[in-house]
Amino acid sequence: MFDHLGIQVSDVEASLKVYLRVFAAIGMREAVRFPVGDGFVVGLAAGQGGPQFWLSQSTGVETRELHVAFQAESRAVVDAVHEAAVAAGVEVLHAPREWPEYHSGYYGVFLRDLDGHNVEAVYHGSPA
C-alpha cells in the first residue's frame, strides 16, 4: 500500500545518526540528501531499493507522535536492533517479544526516537 513515508524531526543530522545506527541490522542506509530551505531532507533505504523513509526538519513548534515499523528478515535482526538501541541509549518501549494479539509469529521491538516517535522493528514469521 505505501510507497514511502516522511517524518519531521527537530534535528535531522542527530536523528539520521540514531536511525542509521539502530537500524543497521535491517540494512538501513542514507540513499539521498538534498537541500530544502535552510536545512536538508534525507531519504533512507534498505537493500538496493530507493528511499522509502524520509527525515526532514520540523516546521512546527510541536511534533506529534507517529508510529512506524521497519520489516526485519528474522528474529535475530529484531534482537540486533534492540541491542543497537540499548547501546545507543535509545529508549526501549517494549523489548523484543511475540505479539500474538497482532498475529501468530509477530515478533517486534518498540523504541522511542529522539522526537518521541514510536519506531519498531518487526519480523513476521513462525511463532517460537
Protein backbone atom coordinates (compact mmCIF):
# COMPACT_ATOMS: atom_id res chain seq x y z
CA MET A 1 0.00 0.00 0.00
CA PHE A 2 2.65 2.56 0.98
CA ASP A 3 5.39 3.81 -1.32
CA HIS A 4 7.21 5.99 1.21
CA LEU A 5 6.81 7.85 4.50
CA GLY A 6 8.27 11.15 5.66
CA ILE A 7 8.50 12.42 9.22
CA GLN A 8 9.57 15.75 10.66
CA VAL A 9 12.28 15.79 13.31
CA SER A 10 13.82 18.53 15.42
CA ASP A 11 17.41 17.74 14.31
CA VAL A 12 17.82 15.86 11.02
CA GLU A 13 21.51 15.08 11.48
CA ALA A 14 21.09 13.76 15.04
CA SER A 15 18.05 11.67 14.05
CA LEU A 16 19.88 10.35 10.99
CA LYS A 17 22.76 9.12 13.14
CA VAL A 18 20.38 7.31 15.51
CA TYR A 19 18.33 5.67 12.75
CA LEU A 20 21.42 4.52 10.85
CA ARG A 21 22.99 3.07 14.00
CA VAL A 22 19.92 1.42 15.47
CA PHE A 23 18.53 0.02 12.20
CA ALA A 24 21.83 -1.03 10.62
CA ALA A 25 20.79 -4.67 11.06
CA ILE A 26 17.94 -4.23 8.56
CA GLY A 27 20.32 -2.64 6.07
CA MET A 28 19.16 0.96 6.55
CA ARG A 29 21.34 3.43 4.67
CA GLU A 30 21.28 7.04 3.52
CA ALA A 31 20.15 6.95 -0.13
CA VAL A 32 19.76 10.63 -0.96
CA ARG A 33 20.14 14.07 0.61
CA PHE A 34 19.11 17.40 -0.81
CA PRO A 35 18.73 20.97 0.47
CA VAL A 36 15.37 22.41 1.43
CA GLY A 37 15.27 25.95 2.76
CA ASP A 38 17.94 26.38 5.44
CA GLY A 39 18.20 22.63 6.03
CA PHE A 40 18.06 19.39 4.13
CA VAL A 41 15.95 16.29 3.63
CA VAL A 42 17.38 12.77 3.88
CA GLY A 43 15.90 9.71 2.21
CA LEU A 44 16.70 6.36 3.84
CA ALA A 45 16.52 2.98 2.15
CA ALA A 46 17.20 -0.66 2.91
CA GLY A 47 18.91 -3.02 0.49
CA GLN A 48 19.11 -1.95 -3.13
CA GLY A 49 15.77 -0.14 -3.20
CA GLY A 50 15.21 3.59 -3.36
CA PRO A 51 14.39 5.82 -0.40
CA GLN A 52 11.24 4.85 1.46
CA PHE A 53 11.70 6.67 4.78
CA TRP A 54 12.38 10.41 4.78
CA LEU A 55 13.60 12.73 7.54
CA SER A 56 13.02 16.48 7.27
CA GLN A 57 13.35 19.45 9.58
CA SER A 58 10.29 20.14 11.71
CA THR A 59 8.42 23.23 10.60
CA GLY A 60 6.18 23.47 13.64
CA VAL A 61 6.71 24.11 17.30
CA GLU A 62 5.34 20.74 18.38
CA THR A 63 5.90 17.28 16.95
CA ARG A 64 3.04 14.78 17.18
CA GLU A 65 3.86 11.15 17.90
CA LEU A 66 3.99 8.82 14.93
CA HIS A 67 4.34 5.04 14.80
CA VAL A 68 6.35 3.36 12.05
CA ALA A 69 7.56 -0.23 11.77
CA PHE A 70 10.54 -1.45 9.76
CA GLN A 71 10.43 -5.02 8.49
CA ALA A 72 13.21 -7.33 9.67
CA GLU A 73 14.33 -10.53 7.94
CA SER A 74 14.46 -12.60 11.13
CA ARG A 75 14.05 -12.61 14.89
CA ALA A 76 17.83 -12.25 15.13
CA VAL A 77 17.63 -8.96 13.22
CA VAL A 78 14.92 -7.68 15.61
CA ASP A 79 17.18 -8.66 18.52
CA ALA A 80 20.14 -6.89 16.86
CA VAL A 81 18.07 -3.70 16.52
CA HIS A 82 17.23 -3.94 20.22
CA GLU A 83 20.90 -4.40 21.15
CA ALA A 84 21.93 -1.43 18.99
CA ALA A 85 19.21 0.73 20.54
CA VAL A 86 20.33 -0.11 24.07
CA ALA A 87 23.97 0.59 23.13
CA ALA A 88 22.93 3.95 21.63
CA GLY A 89 20.94 4.94 24.72
CA VAL A 90 17.63 4.88 22.84
CA GLU A 91 14.52 4.41 25.00
CA VAL A 92 13.11 0.90 24.67
CA LEU A 93 9.32 0.93 24.97
CA HIS A 94 8.92 -2.85 24.65
CA ALA A 95 11.79 -5.35 24.46
CA PRO A 96 11.63 -7.96 21.69
CA ARG A 97 8.83 -10.47 22.13
CA GLU A 98 5.95 -12.11 20.33
CA TRP A 99 2.77 -10.08 19.98
CA PRO A 100 0.08 -12.74 19.35
CA GLU A 101 -2.67 -10.13 19.56
CA TYR A 102 -1.42 -8.80 16.19
CA HIS A 103 -1.00 -12.24 14.60
CA SER A 104 0.78 -15.54 15.19
CA GLY A 105 4.52 -15.13 14.62
CA TYR A 106 4.57 -11.32 15.05
CA TYR A 107 7.90 -10.60 16.78
CA GLY A 108 8.86 -6.99 17.42
CA VAL A 109 10.75 -4.42 19.44
CA PHE A 110 9.33 -0.92 20.06
CA LEU A 111 11.57 2.12 20.60
CA ARG A 112 11.20 5.87 21.17
CA ASP A 113 13.26 8.07 18.82
CA LEU A 114 14.74 11.48 19.64
CA ASP A 115 11.46 13.26 18.81
CA GLY A 116 9.17 10.89 20.67
CA HIS A 117 8.12 8.79 17.67
CA ASN A 118 7.33 5.12 18.32
CA VAL A 119 9.58 3.14 15.96
CA GLU A 120 9.58 -0.61 15.63
CA ALA A 121 11.47 -3.46 14.03
CA VAL A 122 9.19 -6.40 13.26
CA TYR A 123 9.56 -9.91 11.90
CA HIS A 124 6.51 -11.71 10.51
CA GLY A 125 7.43 -15.34 10.93
CA SER A 126 6.50 -18.52 12.68
CA PRO A 127 5.86 -18.49 16.42
CA ALA A 128 8.64 -19.85 18.61
